Amino acid sequence: MSAAGVKNRAAVLFAVLVLAVTAACTGGDGSSPSSTSSSPRTSGSADVLAVKIDNVAPARPHTGLEQADVVYVEQVEAGLSRILAVYSSDLPPVIGPVRSARETDLELLRQFDRPTLAFSGAQSRLLPVIDRAPLDPVPPSKAPQAYFRGPDRPAPHNLYLRPERIPFTASGVNAVAELGLKVGAPPPGGEPEDSRTVRYPSASVTFIWAAEGEQWLVSLDGAPARTAEGERIGAGTVVVQDVDERESDFRDRSGNNTPFTETVGSGDAVVLRDGRAYDARWSRSSADADTVFSTPDGRRVDLADGPLWILYAPRG
């Protein structure tokens, strides 16, 4: 075969491979891969990378979750929970399993300055809403070379992201800074706390204080949360934020409504740090504003060293 023929055959094989990878990287839960037409962000134009992460038993252990600066936990369909992990100070080589975006994520992420959002896809009716949101979406359809499916678990719980292959560079600054938060001394008072559990209809998250490691060890649905290497996942500060939920206009393929979590407003919160629990208030005046956490007498609540976990707990 001539040199030209070899080159043409190689080009065809490459094109077929790209199409195959793109087709495999769907949302996996009845969602469609995003076909958003907005342009990918240029490197350095955003400060944080948010990744939507699966949080059911077949998706565990998670990969790269322990390196997130901020971990949000929210309720989704059928009373389950899902994670939105935010990275800025450091990026692991692999993150996942990656799952589909939700409407709640779009309002939540407006606290950041045009973040990059990695997700497996979304319901087809939600895609235009994602297009209009002030963020840079990077689903598999826009960066097929950045996603792969692992062989050790079944789809849809096996889609992973290689963040170095998307147009994003970590700033080296902790993402909590974009939220207007900082590490500092604890507020006065508080009550000793050994553990705290947040329950959803079909899921739970528990934090147990480990004084020797000065962190809250995480358990998911009653099982210790571990890294891909088997180490326990911990948090420096945990915020349990009481929020309102309402039905959204979206449902999964089984007909379950996707709840929308109201992250704009105000309400009660509990801040866990240094083995103590502090009563607090949260307030967010608009979607473009940061969430402010303060003590009942109006003092700002600072964070302990380590990852920040924020759990949205539906008001009873």
C-alpha atoms as a PDB file:
ATOM      1  CA  MET A   1       0.000   0.000   0.000  1.00  0.00           C
ATOM      2  CA  SER A   2       1.242   3.471  -0.815  1.00  0.00           C
ATOM      3  CA  ALA A   3       2.152   6.028   1.841  1.00  0.00           C
ATOM      4  CA  ALA A   4      -0.932   8.084   0.912  1.00  0.00           C
ATOM      5  CA  GLY A   5      -3.153   5.020   1.300  1.00  0.00           C
ATOM      6  CA  VAL A   6      -1.744   4.298   4.742  1.00  0.00           C
ATOM      7  CA  LYS A   7      -2.425   7.883   5.842  1.00  0.00           C
ATOM      8  CA  ASN A   8      -6.002   7.795   4.509  1.00  0.00           C
ATOM      9  CA  ARG A   9      -6.738   4.493   6.258  1.00  0.00           C
ATOM     10  CA  ALA A  10      -5.326   5.832   9.538  1.00  0.00           C
ATOM     11  CA  ALA A  11      -7.493   8.951   9.281  1.00  0.00           C
ATOM     12  CA  VAL A  12     -10.625   6.854   8.742  1.00  0.00           C
ATOM     13  CA  LEU A  13      -9.832   4.591  11.710  1.00  0.00           C
ATOM     14  CA  PHE A  14      -9.266   7.624  13.931  1.00  0.00           C
ATOM     15  CA  ALA A  15     -12.605   9.165  12.921  1.00  0.00           C
ATOM     16  CA  VAL A  16     -14.427   5.887  13.642  1.00  0.00           C
ATOM     17  CA  LEU A  17     -12.777   5.648  17.070  1.00  0.00           C
ATOM     18  CA  VAL A  18     -13.827   9.199  17.997  1.00  0.00           C
ATOM     19  CA  LEU A  19     -17.417   8.524  16.947  1.00  0.00           C
ATOM     20  CA  ALA A  20     -17.520   5.301  18.966  1.00  0.00           C
ATOM     21  CA  VAL A  21     -16.243   6.948  22.115  1.00  0.00           C
ATOM     22  CA  THR A  22     -18.731   9.801  21.738  1.00  0.00           C
ATOM     23  CA  ALA A  23     -21.643   7.406  21.266  1.00  0.00           C
ATOM     24  CA  ALA A  24     -20.676   5.422  24.368  1.00  0.00           C
ATOM     25  CA  CYS A  25     -20.578   8.477  26.595  1.00  0.00           C
ATOM     26  CA  THR A  26     -24.273   9.105  27.173  1.00  0.00           C
ATOM     27  CA  GLY A  27     -25.851  10.110  30.457  1.00  0.00           C
ATOM     28  CA  GLY A  28     -26.627   6.465  31.226  1.00  0.00           C
ATOM     29  CA  ASP A  29     -29.791   7.244  33.194  1.00  0.00           C
ATOM     30  CA  GLY A  30     -32.215   8.185  30.476  1.00  0.00           C
ATOM     31  CA  SER A  31     -30.460  11.478  29.770  1.00  0.00           C
ATOM     32  CA  SER A  32     -29.048  12.610  26.470  1.00  0.00           C
ATOM     33  CA  PRO A  33     -25.462  13.721  25.897  1.00  0.00           C
ATOM     34  CA  SER A  34     -25.301  17.481  25.743  1.00  0.00           C
ATOM     35  CA  SER A  35     -25.318  18.956  22.268  1.00  0.00           C
ATOM     36  CA  THR A  36     -24.924  22.483  23.553  1.00  0.00           C
ATOM     37  CA  SER A  37     -23.689  24.888  20.916  1.00  0.00           C
ATOM     38  CA  SER A  38     -21.848  27.315  23.151  1.00  0.00           C
ATOM     39  CA  SER A  39     -18.107  27.511  22.601  1.00  0.00           C
ATOM     40  CA  PRO A  40     -15.726  25.702  24.960  1.00  0.00           C
ATOM     41  CA  ARG A  41     -14.017  27.956  27.451  1.00  0.00           C
ATOM     42  CA  THR A  42     -10.445  28.995  26.811  1.00  0.00           C
ATOM     43  CA  SER A  43      -7.872  27.827  29.322  1.00  0.00           C
ATOM     44  CA  GLY A  44      -7.695  30.061  32.344  1.00  0.00           C
ATOM     45  CA  SER A  45     -11.028  31.844  31.791  1.00  0.00           C
ATOM     46  CA  ALA A  46     -12.694  30.155  34.784  1.00  0.00           C
ATOM     47  CA  ASP A  47     -11.411  29.384  38.238  1.00  0.00           C
ATOM     48  CA  VAL A  48     -13.246  26.202  39.206  1.00  0.00           C
ATOM     49  CA  LEU A  49     -14.164  22.841  37.728  1.00  0.00           C
ATOM     50  CA  ALA A  50     -17.409  21.288  38.944  1.00  0.00           C
ATOM     51  CA  VAL A  51     -17.999  17.581  38.272  1.00  0.00           C
ATOM     52  CA  LYS A  52     -21.344  15.820  38.693  1.00  0.00           C
ATOM     53  CA  ILE A  53     -20.634  12.523  40.471  1.00  0.00           C
ATOM     54  CA  ASP A  54     -22.734   9.403  40.934  1.00  0.00           C
ATOM     55  CA  ASN A  55     -23.584   8.504  44.532  1.00  0.00           C
ATOM     56  CA  VAL A  56     -25.250   5.102  44.645  1.00  0.00           C
ATOM     57  CA  ALA A  57     -23.617   1.920  45.917  1.00  0.00           C
ATOM     58  CA  PRO A  58     -22.565   0.547  42.479  1.00  0.00           C
ATOM     59  CA  ALA A  59     -20.666   3.813  41.848  1.00  0.00           C
ATOM     60  CA  ARG A  60     -18.414   3.462  44.890  1.00  0.00           C
ATOM     61  CA  PRO A  61     -15.628   3.825  45.742  1.00  0.00           C
ATOM     62  CA  HIS A  62     -15.350   7.239  44.145  1.00  0.00           C
ATOM     63  CA  THR A  63     -12.227   8.322  42.305  1.00  0.00           C
ATOM     64  CA  GLY A  64     -10.696  11.749  42.949  1.00  0.00           C
ATOM     65  CA  LEU A  65     -13.451  12.926  45.304  1.00  0.00           C
ATOM     66  CA  GLU A  66     -11.018  13.329  48.194  1.00  0.00           C
ATOM     67  CA  GLN A  67      -9.183  16.101  46.307  1.00  0.00           C
ATOM     68  CA  ALA A  68     -12.245  18.320  45.838  1.00  0.00           C
ATOM     69  CA  ASP A  69     -12.200  21.680  47.607  1.00  0.00           C
ATOM     70  CA  VAL A  70     -15.987  21.704  48.030  1.00  0.00           C
ATOM     71  CA  VAL A  71     -18.407  18.764  47.921  1.00  0.00           C
ATOM     72  CA  TYR A  72     -22.137  19.454  47.573  1.00  0.00           C
ATOM     73  CA  VAL A  73     -24.715  16.746  48.257  1.00  0.00           C
ATOM     74  CA  GLU A  74     -28.238  17.222  46.930  1.00  0.00           C
ATOM     75  CA  GLN A  75     -31.383  15.129  46.617  1.00  0.00           C
ATOM     76  CA  VAL A  76     -32.386  13.814  43.197  1.00  0.00           C
ATOM     77  CA  GLU A  77     -35.091  11.458  41.903  1.00  0.00           C
ATOM     78  CA  ALA A  78     -36.555   8.674  44.036  1.00  0.00           C
ATOM     79  CA  GLY A  79     -35.063  10.153  47.208  1.00  0.00           C
ATOM     80  CA  LEU A  80     -31.480   9.365  46.191  1.00  0.00           C
ATOM     81  CA  SER A  81     -28.542  11.745  46.500  1.00  0.00           C
ATOM     82  CA  ARG A  82     -25.945  12.955  44.034  1.00  0.00           C
ATOM     83  CA  ILE A  83     -22.679  14.840  44.435  1.00  0.00           C
ATOM     84  CA  LEU A  84     -21.339  17.988  42.806  1.00  0.00           C
ATOM     85  CA  ALA A  85     -17.601  18.206  43.477  1.00  0.00           C
ATOM     86  CA  VAL A  86     -15.741  21.484  42.929  1.00  0.00           C
ATOM     87  CA  TYR A  87     -12.000  21.630  42.190  1.00  0.00           C
ATOM     88  CA  SER A  88      -9.606  24.551  41.986  1.00  0.00           C
ATOM     89  CA  SER A  89      -6.566  24.134  44.228  1.00  0.00           C
ATOM     90  CA  ASP A  90      -5.633  20.760  42.748  1.00  0.00           C
ATOM     91  CA  LEU A  91      -6.816  18.298  40.107  1.00  0.00           C
ATOM     92  CA  PRO A  92      -6.627  14.517  40.409  1.00  0.00           C
ATOM     93  CA  PRO A  93      -5.736  12.594  37.236  1.00  0.00           C
ATOM     94  CA  VAL A  94      -9.148  10.884  37.148  1.00  0.00           C
ATOM     95  CA  ILE A  95     -12.553  11.871  38.589  1.00  0.00           C
ATOM     96  CA  GLY A  96     -15.743   9.865  38.700  1.00  0.00           C
ATOM     97  CA  PRO A  97     -18.015   8.142  38.114  1.00  0.00           C
ATOM     98  CA  VAL A  98     -19.499  11.091  36.214  1.00  0.00           C
ATOM     99  CA  ARG A  99     -23.280  11.398  35.906  1.00  0.00           C
ATOM    100  CA  SER A 100     -25.859  13.769  34.448  1.00  0.00           C
ATOM    101  CA  ALA A 101     -26.553  17.358  35.434  1.00  0.00           C
ATOM    102  CA  ARG A 102     -29.645  18.654  37.215  1.00  0.00           C
ATOM    103  CA  GLU A 103     -31.451  22.001  37.171  1.00  0.00           C
ATOM    104  CA  THR A 104     -30.387  22.642  40.786  1.00  0.00           C
ATOM    105  CA  ASP A 105     -26.732  22.654  39.711  1.00  0.00           C
ATOM    106  CA  LEU A 106     -27.216  25.669  37.465  1.00  0.00           C
ATOM    107  CA  GLU A 107     -28.414  27.997  40.225  1.00  0.00           C
ATOM    108  CA  LEU A 108     -25.976  26.574  42.757  1.00  0.00           C
ATOM    109  CA  LEU A 109     -22.995  27.177  40.456  1.00  0.00           C
ATOM    110  CA  ARG A 110     -23.816  30.840  39.851  1.00  0.00           C
ATOM    111  CA  GLN A 111     -21.930  31.479  43.099  1.00  0.00           C
ATOM    112  CA  PHE A 112     -18.780  30.907  41.051  1.00  0.00           C
ATOM    113  CA  ASP A 113     -17.444  33.055  38.215  1.00  0.00           C
ATOM    114  CA  ARG A 114     -18.343  31.106  35.054  1.00  0.00           C
ATOM    115  CA  PRO A 115     -17.299  27.648  36.244  1.00  0.00           C
ATOM    116  CA  THR A 116     -16.561  24.689  34.005  1.00  0.00           C
ATOM    117  CA  LEU A 117     -19.127  21.901  34.451  1.00  0.00           C
ATOM    118  CA  ALA A 118     -18.264  18.299  33.567  1.00  0.00           C
ATOM    119  CA  PHE A 119     -21.256  15.957  33.345  1.00  0.00           C
ATOM    120  CA  SER A 120     -22.330  12.884  31.404  1.00  0.00           C
ATOM    121  CA  GLY A 121     -25.350  14.500  29.765  1.00  0.00           C
ATOM    122  CA  ALA A 122     -28.788  15.791  30.734  1.00  0.00           C
ATOM    123  CA  GLN A 123     -32.457  15.382  29.956  1.00  0.00           C
ATOM    124  CA  SER A 124     -33.109  16.734  26.476  1.00  0.00           C
ATOM    125  CA  ARG A 125     -35.419  19.475  27.776  1.00  0.00           C
ATOM    126  CA  LEU A 126     -32.757  20.649  30.202  1.00  0.00           C
ATOM    127  CA  LEU A 127     -30.041  21.049  27.563  1.00  0.00           C
ATOM    128  CA  PRO A 128     -31.274  24.476  26.342  1.00  0.00           C
ATOM    129  CA  VAL A 129     -31.333  25.648  29.957  1.00  0.00           C
ATOM    130  CA  ILE A 130     -27.711  24.555  30.349  1.00  0.00           C
ATOM    131  CA  ASP A 131     -26.900  26.417  27.105  1.00  0.00           C
ATOM    132  CA  ARG A 132     -28.207  29.650  28.623  1.00  0.00           C
ATOM    133  CA  ALA A 133     -26.505  29.230  31.999  1.00  0.00           C
ATOM    134  CA  PRO A 134     -23.386  31.303  32.795  1.00  0.00           C
ATOM    135  CA  LEU A 135     -21.016  28.342  32.813  1.00  0.00           C
ATOM    136  CA  ASP A 136     -18.859  26.360  30.402  1.00  0.00           C
ATOM    137  CA  PRO A 137     -20.311  22.865  29.888  1.00  0.00           C
ATOM    138  CA  VAL A 138     -17.908  20.066  28.961  1.00  0.00           C
ATOM    139  CA  PRO A 139     -19.867  16.831  28.455  1.00  0.00           C
ATOM    140  CA  PRO A 140     -18.458  13.869  26.478  1.00  0.00           C
ATOM    141  CA  SER A 141     -19.912  15.220  23.239  1.00  0.00           C
ATOM    142  CA  LYS A 142     -17.587  18.232  23.504  1.00  0.00           C
ATOM    143  CA  ALA A 143     -14.513  16.438  24.840  1.00  0.00           C
ATOM    144  CA  PRO A 144     -14.713  12.717  23.936  1.00  0.00           C
ATOM    145  CA  GLN A 145     -10.980  12.299  24.507  1.00  0.00           C
ATOM    146  CA  ALA A 146     -11.407  13.324  28.154  1.00  0.00           C
ATOM    147  CA  TYR A 147     -13.897  10.592  29.112  1.00  0.00           C
ATOM    148  CA  PHE A 148     -13.583   6.837  29.321  1.00  0.00           C
ATOM    149  CA  ARG A 149     -15.555   3.910  30.686  1.00  0.00           C
ATOM    150  CA  GLY A 150     -13.885   1.737  33.311  1.00  0.00           C
ATOM    151  CA  PRO A 151     -14.020  -2.051  33.019  1.00  0.00           C
ATOM    152  CA  ASP A 152     -14.604  -2.801  36.711  1.00  0.00           C
ATOM    153  CA  ARG A 153     -18.295  -1.867  36.988  1.00  0.00           C
ATOM    154  CA  PRO A 154     -21.355  -1.718  34.739  1.00  0.00           C
ATOM    155  CA  ALA A 155     -22.713   1.331  32.949  1.00  0.00           C
ATOM    156  CA  PRO A 156     -23.923   3.917  33.818  1.00  0.00           C
ATOM    157  CA  HIS A 157     -21.678   3.797  36.902  1.00  0.00           C
ATOM    158  CA  ASN A 158     -18.358   3.581  35.031  1.00  0.00           C
ATOM    159  CA  LEU A 159     -17.852   6.881  33.184  1.00  0.00           C
ATOM    160  CA  TYR A 160     -14.715   8.768  34.262  1.00  0.00           C
ATOM    161  CA  LEU A 161     -13.134  12.118  33.445  1.00  0.00           C
ATOM    162  CA  ARG A 162      -9.480  12.868  32.801  1.00  0.00           C
ATOM    163  CA  PRO A 163      -9.538  16.602  33.639  1.00  0.00           C
ATOM    164  CA  GLU A 164      -6.165  17.283  32.048  1.00  0.00           C
ATOM    165  CA  ARG A 165      -7.820  16.624  28.669  1.00  0.00           C
ATOM    166  CA  ILE A 166     -10.401  19.395  28.934  1.00  0.00           C
ATOM    167  CA  PRO A 167      -9.650  23.114  28.521  1.00  0.00           C
ATOM    168  CA  PHE A 168      -9.217  23.811  32.224  1.00  0.00           C
ATOM    169  CA  THR A 169      -6.227  24.606  34.401  1.00  0.00           C
ATOM    170  CA  ALA A 170      -6.477  24.576  38.186  1.00  0.00           C
ATOM    171  CA  SER A 171      -5.759  27.979  39.696  1.00  0.00           C
ATOM    172  CA  GLY A 172      -4.046  26.576  42.772  1.00  0.00           C
ATOM    173  CA  VAL A 173      -6.396  28.649  44.959  1.00  0.00           C
ATOM    174  CA  ASN A 174      -8.970  26.862  47.096  1.00  0.00           C
ATOM    175  CA  ALA A 175     -12.463  27.143  45.610  1.00  0.00           C
ATOM    176  CA  VAL A 176     -13.895  28.298  48.956  1.00  0.00           C
ATOM    177  CA  ALA A 177     -12.319  31.690  48.248  1.00  0.00           C
ATOM    178  CA  GLU A 178     -14.760  32.179  45.347  1.00  0.00           C
ATOM    179  CA  LEU A 179     -17.590  31.584  47.815  1.00  0.00           C
ATOM    180  CA  GLY A 180     -16.392  34.398  50.057  1.00  0.00           C
ATOM    181  CA  LEU A 181     -15.326  31.902  52.743  1.00  0.00           C
ATOM    182  CA  LYS A 182     -11.989  31.441  54.461  1.00  0.00           C
ATOM    183  CA  VAL A 183     -10.172  29.287  56.956  1.00  0.00           C
ATOM    184  CA  GLY A 184     -10.107  30.801  60.427  1.00  0.00           C
ATOM    185  CA  ALA A 185     -10.790  30.336  64.106  1.00  0.00           C
ATOM    186  CA  PRO A 186     -14.065  28.716  65.175  1.00  0.00           C
ATOM    187  CA  PRO A 187     -16.857  30.903  66.530  1.00  0.00           C
ATOM    188  CA  PRO A 188     -17.421  30.924  70.274  1.00  0.00           C
ATOM    189  CA  GLY A 189     -19.712  28.350  71.836  1.00  0.00           C
ATOM    190  CA  GLY A 190     -20.889  25.294  70.023  1.00  0.00           C
ATOM    191  CA  GLU A 191     -21.673  21.872  71.432  1.00  0.00           C
ATOM    192  CA  PRO A 192     -19.476  18.756  71.390  1.00  0.00           C
ATOM    193  CA  GLU A 193     -20.497  16.503  68.507  1.00  0.00           C
ATOM    194  CA  ASP A 194     -19.322  12.970  67.766  1.00  0.00           C
ATOM    195  CA  SER A 195     -21.440  12.325  64.686  1.00  0.00           C
ATOM    196  CA  ARG A 196     -24.169  13.777  62.511  1.00  0.00           C
ATOM    197  CA  THR A 197     -26.358  12.051  59.902  1.00  0.00           C
ATOM    198  CA  VAL A 198     -28.275  13.731  57.099  1.00  0.00           C
ATOM    199  CA  ARG A 199     -31.074  11.546  55.761  1.00  0.00           C
ATOM    200  CA  TYR A 200     -32.835  11.597  52.421  1.00  0.00           C
ATOM    201  CA  PRO A 201     -35.765   9.302  51.603  1.00  0.00           C
ATOM    202  CA  SER A 202     -33.482   6.700  49.994  1.00  0.00           C
ATOM    203  CA  ALA A 203     -29.986   7.794  51.055  1.00  0.00           C
ATOM    204  CA  SER A 204     -27.948   9.057  53.987  1.00  0.00           C
ATOM    205  CA  VAL A 205     -24.628  10.740  54.714  1.00  0.00           C
ATOM    206  CA  THR A 206     -22.940  10.391  58.126  1.00  0.00           C
ATOM    207  CA  PHE A 207     -19.958  12.297  59.536  1.00  0.00           C
ATOM    208  CA  ILE A 208     -18.000  10.901  62.489  1.00  0.00           C
ATOM    209  CA  TRP A 209     -15.429  13.054  64.247  1.00  0.00           C
ATOM    210  CA  ALA A 210     -11.909  11.547  64.273  1.00  0.00           C
ATOM    211  CA  ALA A 211      -9.875  13.626  66.704  1.00  0.00           C
ATOM    212  CA  GLU A 212      -6.578  11.952  65.823  1.00  0.00           C
ATOM    213  CA  GLY A 213      -6.928  13.050  62.211  1.00  0.00           C
ATOM    214  CA  GLU A 214      -8.806  16.267  62.980  1.00  0.00           C
ATOM    215  CA  GLN A 215     -11.429  15.483  60.358  1.00  0.00           C
ATOM    216  CA  TRP A 216     -14.970  14.251  59.918  1.00  0.00           C
ATOM    217  CA  LEU A 217     -14.929  10.762  58.400  1.00  0.00           C
ATOM    218  CA  VAL A 218     -17.631  10.315  55.782  1.00  0.00           C
ATOM    219  CA  SER A 219     -20.020   7.372  55.451  1.00  0.00           C
ATOM    220  CA  LEU A 220     -22.476   7.039  52.562  1.00  0.00           C
ATOM    221  CA  ASP A 221     -25.642   5.014  53.079  1.00  0.00           C
ATOM    222  CA  GLY A 222     -24.110   3.513  56.206  1.00  0.00           C
ATOM    223  CA  ALA A 223     -20.843   2.381  54.587  1.00  0.00           C
ATOM    224  CA  PRO A 224     -17.484   4.139  55.062  1.00  0.00           C
ATOM    225  CA  ALA A 225     -16.665   6.350  52.080  1.00  0.00           C
ATOM    226  CA  ARG A 226     -13.277   5.406  50.677  1.00  0.00           C
ATOM    227  CA  THR A 227     -10.942   6.517  47.957  1.00  0.00           C
ATOM    228  CA  ALA A 228     -10.117   4.279  45.023  1.00  0.00           C
ATOM    229  CA  GLU A 229      -6.994   3.310  47.006  1.00  0.00           C
ATOM    230  CA  GLY A 230      -9.039   2.298  50.061  1.00  0.00           C
ATOM    231  CA  GLU A 231      -8.357   5.297  52.309  1.00  0.00           C
ATOM    232  CA  ARG A 232     -11.176   6.934  54.277  1.00  0.00           C
ATOM    233  CA  ILE A 233     -12.601  10.154  52.862  1.00  0.00           C
ATOM    234  CA  GLY A 234     -12.794  13.028  55.327  1.00  0.00           C
ATOM    235  CA  ALA A 235     -13.971  16.616  55.612  1.00  0.00           C
ATOM    236  CA  GLY A 236     -12.531  19.538  57.558  1.00  0.00           C
ATOM    237  CA  THR A 237     -15.855  21.392  57.804  1.00  0.00           C
ATOM    238  CA  VAL A 238     -19.396  20.177  57.229  1.00  0.00           C
ATOM    239  CA  VAL A 239     -22.375  22.487  56.680  1.00  0.00           C
ATOM    240  CA  VAL A 240     -25.894  21.070  56.883  1.00  0.00           C
ATOM    241  CA  GLN A 241     -28.065  23.655  55.164  1.00  0.00           C
ATOM    242  CA  ASP A 242     -31.851  23.506  55.607  1.00  0.00           C
ATOM    243  CA  VAL A 243     -33.483  24.300  52.270  1.00  0.00           C
ATOM    244  CA  ASP A 244     -36.844  24.262  50.534  1.00  0.00           C
ATOM    245  CA  GLU A 245     -37.474  21.815  47.716  1.00  0.00           C
ATOM    246  CA  ARG A 246     -40.140  21.911  45.040  1.00  0.00           C
ATOM    247  CA  GLU A 247     -41.078  19.808  42.075  1.00  0.00           C
ATOM    248  CA  SER A 248     -39.310  20.805  38.887  1.00  0.00           C
ATOM    249  CA  ASP A 249     -40.505  20.497  35.295  1.00  0.00           C
ATOM    250  CA  PHE A 250     -38.248  17.475  34.764  1.00  0.00           C
ATOM    251  CA  ARG A 251     -38.667  13.737  35.349  1.00  0.00           C
ATOM    252  CA  ASP A 252     -36.458  10.710  34.855  1.00  0.00           C
ATOM    253  CA  ARG A 253     -37.352   7.938  32.399  1.00  0.00           C
ATOM    254  CA  SER A 254     -39.230   6.096  35.169  1.00  0.00           C
ATOM    255  CA  GLY A 255     -41.487   9.083  35.732  1.00  0.00           C
ATOM    256  CA  ASN A 256     -39.912  10.217  39.017  1.00  0.00           C
ATOM    257  CA  ASN A 257     -39.904  13.977  39.423  1.00  0.00           C
ATOM    258  CA  THR A 258     -36.540  15.702  39.787  1.00  0.00           C
ATOM    259  CA  PRO A 259     -36.719  17.937  42.868  1.00  0.00           C
ATOM    260  CA  PHE A 260     -35.391  21.468  42.583  1.00  0.00           C
ATOM    261  CA  THR A 261     -33.397  22.617  45.607  1.00  0.00           C
ATOM    262  CA  GLU A 262     -33.845  26.294  46.471  1.00  0.00           C
ATOM    263  CA  THR A 263     -30.339  27.597  47.188  1.00  0.00           C
ATOM    264  CA  VAL A 264     -31.412  31.271  47.109  1.00  0.00           C
ATOM    265  CA  GLY A 265     -33.104  32.463  50.282  1.00  0.00           C
ATOM    266  CA  SER A 266     -32.273  31.959  53.941  1.00  0.00           C
ATOM    267  CA  GLY A 267     -32.665  29.473  56.732  1.00  0.00           C
ATOM    268  CA  ASP A 268     -31.048  27.521  59.507  1.00  0.00           C
ATOM    269  CA  ALA A 269     -27.804  25.604  59.244  1.00  0.00           C
ATOM    270  CA  VAL A 270     -25.463  23.567  61.401  1.00  0.00           C
ATOM    271  CA  VAL A 271     -21.711  23.902  61.004  1.00  0.00           C
ATOM    272  CA  LEU A 272     -19.528  20.993  62.121  1.00  0.00           C
ATOM    273  CA  ARG A 273     -15.853  21.660  62.747  1.00  0.00           C
ATOM    274  CA  ASP A 274     -13.205  20.681  65.296  1.00  0.00           C
ATOM    275  CA  GLY A 275     -15.495  18.122  66.920  1.00  0.00           C
ATOM    276  CA  ARG A 276     -18.218  20.663  67.701  1.00  0.00           C
ATOM    277  CA  ALA A 277     -21.557  21.692  66.210  1.00  0.00           C
ATOM    278  CA  TYR A 278     -22.463  25.357  65.794  1.00  0.00           C
ATOM    279  CA  ASP A 279     -25.949  26.677  65.139  1.00  0.00           C
ATOM    280  CA  ALA A 280     -25.847  29.040  62.177  1.00  0.00           C
ATOM    281  CA  ARG A 281     -27.919  30.889  59.621  1.00  0.00           C
ATOM    282  CA  TRP A 282     -27.456  30.891  55.871  1.00  0.00           C
ATOM    283  CA  SER A 283     -28.487  33.666  53.526  1.00  0.00           C
ATOM    284  CA  ARG A 284     -28.191  34.132  49.773  1.00  0.00           C
ATOM    285  CA  SER A 285     -29.920  37.214  48.426  1.00  0.00           C
ATOM    286  CA  SER A 286     -29.850  36.309  44.732  1.00  0.00           C
ATOM    287  CA  ALA A 287     -28.495  33.703  42.344  1.00  0.00           C
ATOM    288  CA  ASP A 288     -25.472  35.927  41.649  1.00  0.00           C
ATOM    289  CA  ALA A 289     -24.673  36.325  45.363  1.00  0.00           C
ATOM    290  CA  ASP A 290     -22.549  34.157  47.633  1.00  0.00           C
ATOM    291  CA  THR A 291     -24.109  32.185  50.460  1.00  0.00           C
ATOM    292  CA  VAL A 292     -23.265  33.792  53.808  1.00  0.00           C
ATOM    293  CA  PHE A 293     -23.007  31.595  56.892  1.00  0.00           C
ATOM    294  CA  SER A 294     -23.236  33.387  60.231  1.00  0.00           C
ATOM    295  CA  THR A 295     -23.847  32.645  63.892  1.00  0.00           C
ATOM    296  CA  PRO A 296     -27.230  33.598  65.409  1.00  0.00           C
ATOM    297  CA  ASP A 297     -25.653  36.830  66.702  1.00  0.00           C
ATOM    298  CA  GLY A 298     -24.384  37.757  63.243  1.00  0.00           C
ATOM    299  CA  ARG A 299     -20.715  36.679  63.364  1.00  0.00           C
ATOM    300  CA  ARG A 300     -19.204  35.182  60.242  1.00  0.00           C
ATOM    301  CA  VAL A 301     -18.481  31.465  60.416  1.00  0.00           C
ATOM    302  CA  ASP A 302     -14.994  30.526  59.216  1.00  0.00           C
ATOM    303  CA  LEU A 303     -13.835  27.089  58.124  1.00  0.00           C
ATOM    304  CA  ALA A 304     -11.378  24.530  59.479  1.00  0.00           C
ATOM    305  CA  ASP A 305      -8.576  23.196  57.286  1.00  0.00           C
ATOM    306  CA  GLY A 306      -9.612  20.493  54.867  1.00  0.00           C
ATOM    307  CA  PRO A 307     -12.369  19.887  52.349  1.00  0.00           C
ATOM    308  CA  LEU A 308     -15.735  21.588  52.829  1.00  0.00           C
ATOM    309  CA  TRP A 309     -18.872  19.432  52.507  1.00  0.00           C
ATOM    310  CA  ILE A 310     -22.226  21.198  52.120  1.00  0.00           C
ATOM    311  CA  LEU A 311     -25.363  19.104  52.378  1.00  0.00           C
ATOM    312  CA  TYR A 312     -28.741  20.426  51.305  1.00  0.00           C
ATOM    313  CA  ALA A 313     -31.232  19.021  53.797  1.00  0.00           C
ATOM    314  CA  PRO A 314     -34.910  19.449  52.830  1.00  0.00           C
ATOM    315  CA  ARG A 315     -36.844  21.307  55.503  1.00  0.00           C
ATOM    316  CA  GLY A 316     -39.202  18.994  57.334  1.00  0.00           C
END
